[in-house]
Amino acid sequence: MFLVLEYLDGGELFDYITDRDHLTEEESAILFKQMMSAIIYCHKNRICHRDLKPDNFMLLSKDQNAPIKLIDFGLSRSFYKFHGEGKGEVVRMETRVGTSLYMAPEVLRRNYSSACDTWSLGVILY
């Protein structure tokens, strides 16, 4: 068995931010748009990541304006339950998972939706 992965030479977003002390508003907007695009794609495919944090975004290369990639889907899950014949429903999640500093309050109450990812992105942006 072989596992083939994309090589991301740029390192973690966390390290990128700490190396620079702060990001400009323009840099932040570019990165945040890419983060939102990744989560929108996941949610359109009925997947909730549930552990968004700067450590789980990696830069493709060390070049300026290198694109970022979302990684670590170990805690992710589908928020859609299929009933057969193409029918199904969106379900609430109850498992308390993720990194506490980026976790939505609803996750702590064990009754949340995919909106928990949006909360985590807001914390990252802040």
C-alpha atoms as a PDB file:
ATOM      1  CA  MET A   1       0.000   0.000   0.000  1.00  0.00           C
ATOM      2  CA  PHE A   2       1.243   3.472  -0.881  1.00  0.00           C
ATOM      3  CA  LEU A   3      -0.011   6.761   0.454  1.00  0.00           C
ATOM      4  CA  VAL A   4       0.671   9.704  -1.843  1.00  0.00           C
ATOM      5  CA  LEU A   5       0.365  13.181  -0.341  1.00  0.00           C
ATOM      6  CA  GLU A   6       0.908  16.670  -1.638  1.00  0.00           C
ATOM      7  CA  TYR A   7       4.143  18.234  -0.397  1.00  0.00           C
ATOM      8  CA  LEU A   8       3.441  21.557   1.315  1.00  0.00           C
ATOM      9  CA  ASP A   9       6.762  23.327   1.708  1.00  0.00           C
ATOM     10  CA  GLY A  10       5.408  26.552   3.234  1.00  0.00           C
ATOM     11  CA  GLY A  11       4.714  25.243   6.738  1.00  0.00           C
ATOM     12  CA  GLU A  12       1.776  25.886   9.030  1.00  0.00           C
ATOM     13  CA  LEU A  13      -0.233  29.096   8.991  1.00  0.00           C
ATOM     14  CA  PHE A  14       0.443  29.361  12.743  1.00  0.00           C
ATOM     15  CA  ASP A  15       4.205  29.606  12.119  1.00  0.00           C
ATOM     16  CA  TYR A  16       3.644  32.028   9.239  1.00  0.00           C
ATOM     17  CA  ILE A  17       1.738  34.400  11.542  1.00  0.00           C
ATOM     18  CA  THR A  18       4.119  34.125  14.504  1.00  0.00           C
ATOM     19  CA  ASP A  19       7.182  34.712  12.300  1.00  0.00           C
ATOM     20  CA  ARG A  20       5.693  38.033  11.174  1.00  0.00           C
ATOM     21  CA  ASP A  21       4.320  39.223  14.578  1.00  0.00           C
ATOM     22  CA  HIS A  22       1.197  40.479  12.761  1.00  0.00           C
ATOM     23  CA  LEU A  23      -0.433  40.465   9.344  1.00  0.00           C
ATOM     24  CA  THR A  24      -1.704  43.438   7.402  1.00  0.00           C
ATOM     25  CA  GLU A  25      -5.420  43.757   6.784  1.00  0.00           C
ATOM     26  CA  GLU A  26      -4.829  42.940   3.113  1.00  0.00           C
ATOM     27  CA  GLU A  27      -2.843  39.773   3.927  1.00  0.00           C
ATOM     28  CA  SER A  28      -5.485  38.701   6.431  1.00  0.00           C
ATOM     29  CA  ALA A  29      -8.279  39.221   3.903  1.00  0.00           C
ATOM     30  CA  ILE A  30      -6.498  37.110   1.270  1.00  0.00           C
ATOM     31  CA  LEU A  31      -5.852  34.263   3.719  1.00  0.00           C
ATOM     32  CA  PHE A  32      -9.340  34.438   5.227  1.00  0.00           C
ATOM     33  CA  LYS A  33     -10.975  34.251   1.801  1.00  0.00           C
ATOM     34  CA  GLN A  34      -9.038  31.047   1.101  1.00  0.00           C
ATOM     35  CA  MET A  35      -9.998  29.600   4.493  1.00  0.00           C
ATOM     36  CA  MET A  36     -13.668  30.420   3.910  1.00  0.00           C
ATOM     37  CA  SER A  37     -13.531  28.889   0.422  1.00  0.00           C
ATOM     38  CA  ALA A  38     -12.184  25.628   1.860  1.00  0.00           C
ATOM     39  CA  ILE A  39     -14.930  25.456   4.490  1.00  0.00           C
ATOM     40  CA  ILE A  40     -17.677  26.374   2.034  1.00  0.00           C
ATOM     41  CA  TYR A  41     -16.484  23.505  -0.182  1.00  0.00           C
ATOM     42  CA  CYS A  42     -16.544  21.100   2.784  1.00  0.00           C
ATOM     43  CA  HIS A  43     -20.006  22.224   3.873  1.00  0.00           C
ATOM     44  CA  LYS A  44     -21.398  21.927   0.327  1.00  0.00           C
ATOM     45  CA  ASN A  45     -20.226  18.311   0.491  1.00  0.00           C
ATOM     46  CA  ARG A  46     -21.841  17.914   3.926  1.00  0.00           C
ATOM     47  CA  ILE A  47     -18.568  17.658   5.847  1.00  0.00           C
ATOM     48  CA  CYS A  48     -17.875  19.546   9.059  1.00  0.00           C
ATOM     49  CA  HIS A  49     -14.159  19.851   9.929  1.00  0.00           C
ATOM     50  CA  ARG A  50     -14.650  20.509  13.675  1.00  0.00           C
ATOM     51  CA  ASP A  51     -10.993  21.329  14.435  1.00  0.00           C
ATOM     52  CA  LEU A  52     -10.174  24.530  12.597  1.00  0.00           C
ATOM     53  CA  LYS A  53      -7.117  26.359  13.911  1.00  0.00           C
ATOM     54  CA  PRO A  54      -4.056  28.003  12.327  1.00  0.00           C
ATOM     55  CA  ASP A  55      -2.103  24.751  12.780  1.00  0.00           C
ATOM     56  CA  ASN A  56      -4.507  22.995  10.382  1.00  0.00           C
ATOM     57  CA  PHE A  57      -3.860  25.306   7.455  1.00  0.00           C
ATOM     58  CA  MET A  58      -0.606  24.915   5.540  1.00  0.00           C
ATOM     59  CA  LEU A  59       1.016  27.089   2.908  1.00  0.00           C
ATOM     60  CA  LEU A  60       1.810  25.446  -0.417  1.00  0.00           C
ATOM     61  CA  SER A  61       5.252  27.072  -0.577  1.00  0.00           C
ATOM     62  CA  LYS A  62       7.390  29.735   1.074  1.00  0.00           C
ATOM     63  CA  ASP A  63       6.635  32.173  -1.772  1.00  0.00           C
ATOM     64  CA  GLN A  64       4.778  35.352  -0.935  1.00  0.00           C
ATOM     65  CA  ASN A  65       1.041  34.967  -1.629  1.00  0.00           C
ATOM     66  CA  ALA A  66       1.341  31.158  -1.666  1.00  0.00           C
ATOM     67  CA  PRO A  67      -2.076  29.489  -1.436  1.00  0.00           C
ATOM     68  CA  ILE A  68      -3.078  27.691   1.757  1.00  0.00           C
ATOM     69  CA  LYS A  69      -4.511  24.207   2.151  1.00  0.00           C
ATOM     70  CA  LEU A  70      -6.787  22.786   4.826  1.00  0.00           C
ATOM     71  CA  ILE A  71      -5.408  19.664   6.540  1.00  0.00           C
ATOM     72  CA  ASP A  72      -6.179  17.200   9.365  1.00  0.00           C
ATOM     73  CA  PHE A  73      -9.657  15.831   8.811  1.00  0.00           C
ATOM     74  CA  GLY A  74      -9.270  13.397  11.722  1.00  0.00           C
ATOM     75  CA  LEU A  75     -12.193  14.896  13.685  1.00  0.00           C
ATOM     76  CA  SER A  76     -14.373  15.751  10.702  1.00  0.00           C
ATOM     77  CA  ARG A  77     -17.693  14.073   9.991  1.00  0.00           C
ATOM     78  CA  SER A  78     -20.717  14.258   7.778  1.00  0.00           C
ATOM     79  CA  PHE A  79     -23.632  16.267   9.149  1.00  0.00           C
ATOM     80  CA  TYR A  80     -26.112  14.630   6.797  1.00  0.00           C
ATOM     81  CA  LYS A  81     -27.929  11.355   7.395  1.00  0.00           C
ATOM     82  CA  PHE A  82     -29.115   9.464   4.315  1.00  0.00           C
ATOM     83  CA  HIS A  83     -32.423   7.605   4.484  1.00  0.00           C
ATOM     84  CA  GLY A  84     -32.230   5.988   1.058  1.00  0.00           C
ATOM     85  CA  GLU A  85     -33.642   6.831  -2.367  1.00  0.00           C
ATOM     86  CA  GLY A  86     -31.715  10.129  -2.368  1.00  0.00           C
ATOM     87  CA  LYS A  87     -33.498  11.422   0.727  1.00  0.00           C
ATOM     88  CA  GLY A  88     -31.925  12.515   3.957  1.00  0.00           C
ATOM     89  CA  GLU A  89     -31.699  15.193   6.585  1.00  0.00           C
ATOM     90  CA  VAL A  90     -29.205  17.520   8.223  1.00  0.00           C
ATOM     91  CA  VAL A  91     -28.415  16.309  11.740  1.00  0.00           C
ATOM     92  CA  ARG A  92     -27.062  18.091  14.795  1.00  0.00           C
ATOM     93  CA  MET A  93     -23.770  16.848  16.240  1.00  0.00           C
ATOM     94  CA  GLU A  94     -23.181  16.022  19.890  1.00  0.00           C
ATOM     95  CA  THR A  95     -19.564  14.915  20.269  1.00  0.00           C
ATOM     96  CA  ARG A  96     -17.379  17.425  22.106  1.00  0.00           C
ATOM     97  CA  VAL A  97     -14.301  17.557  19.849  1.00  0.00           C
ATOM     98  CA  GLY A  98     -11.830  20.163  18.648  1.00  0.00           C
ATOM     99  CA  THR A  99      -9.336  22.550  20.181  1.00  0.00           C
ATOM    100  CA  SER A 100     -10.857  24.419  23.112  1.00  0.00           C
ATOM    101  CA  LEU A 101      -9.496  27.888  22.226  1.00  0.00           C
ATOM    102  CA  TYR A 102     -11.229  27.766  18.819  1.00  0.00           C
ATOM    103  CA  MET A 103     -14.336  25.825  19.852  1.00  0.00           C
ATOM    104  CA  ALA A 104     -17.850  27.270  19.523  1.00  0.00           C
ATOM    105  CA  PRO A 105     -19.940  27.408  22.737  1.00  0.00           C
ATOM    106  CA  GLU A 106     -22.520  25.093  21.141  1.00  0.00           C
ATOM    107  CA  VAL A 107     -19.890  22.336  20.912  1.00  0.00           C
ATOM    108  CA  LEU A 108     -19.443  22.505  24.685  1.00  0.00           C
ATOM    109  CA  ARG A 109     -23.221  22.153  25.076  1.00  0.00           C
ATOM    110  CA  ARG A 110     -23.124  19.078  22.777  1.00  0.00           C
ATOM    111  CA  ASN A 111     -25.749  20.383  20.345  1.00  0.00           C
ATOM    112  CA  TYR A 112     -24.229  22.026  17.279  1.00  0.00           C
ATOM    113  CA  SER A 113     -24.257  22.289  13.500  1.00  0.00           C
ATOM    114  CA  SER A 114     -21.642  22.914  10.834  1.00  0.00           C
ATOM    115  CA  ALA A 115     -21.742  26.570  11.917  1.00  0.00           C
ATOM    116  CA  CYS A 116     -19.130  25.599  14.533  1.00  0.00           C
ATOM    117  CA  ASP A 117     -16.574  25.825  11.705  1.00  0.00           C
ATOM    118  CA  THR A 118     -17.625  29.413  11.022  1.00  0.00           C
ATOM    119  CA  TRP A 119     -17.103  30.308  14.688  1.00  0.00           C
ATOM    120  CA  SER A 120     -13.600  28.799  14.611  1.00  0.00           C
ATOM    121  CA  LEU A 121     -12.715  30.790  11.492  1.00  0.00           C
ATOM    122  CA  GLY A 122     -13.889  33.947  13.239  1.00  0.00           C
ATOM    123  CA  VAL A 123     -11.574  33.212  16.162  1.00  0.00           C
ATOM    124  CA  ILE A 124      -8.669  32.661  13.758  1.00  0.00           C
ATOM    125  CA  LEU A 125      -9.418  35.957  11.997  1.00  0.00           C
ATOM    126  CA  TYR A 126      -9.562  37.817  15.311  1.00  0.00           C
END
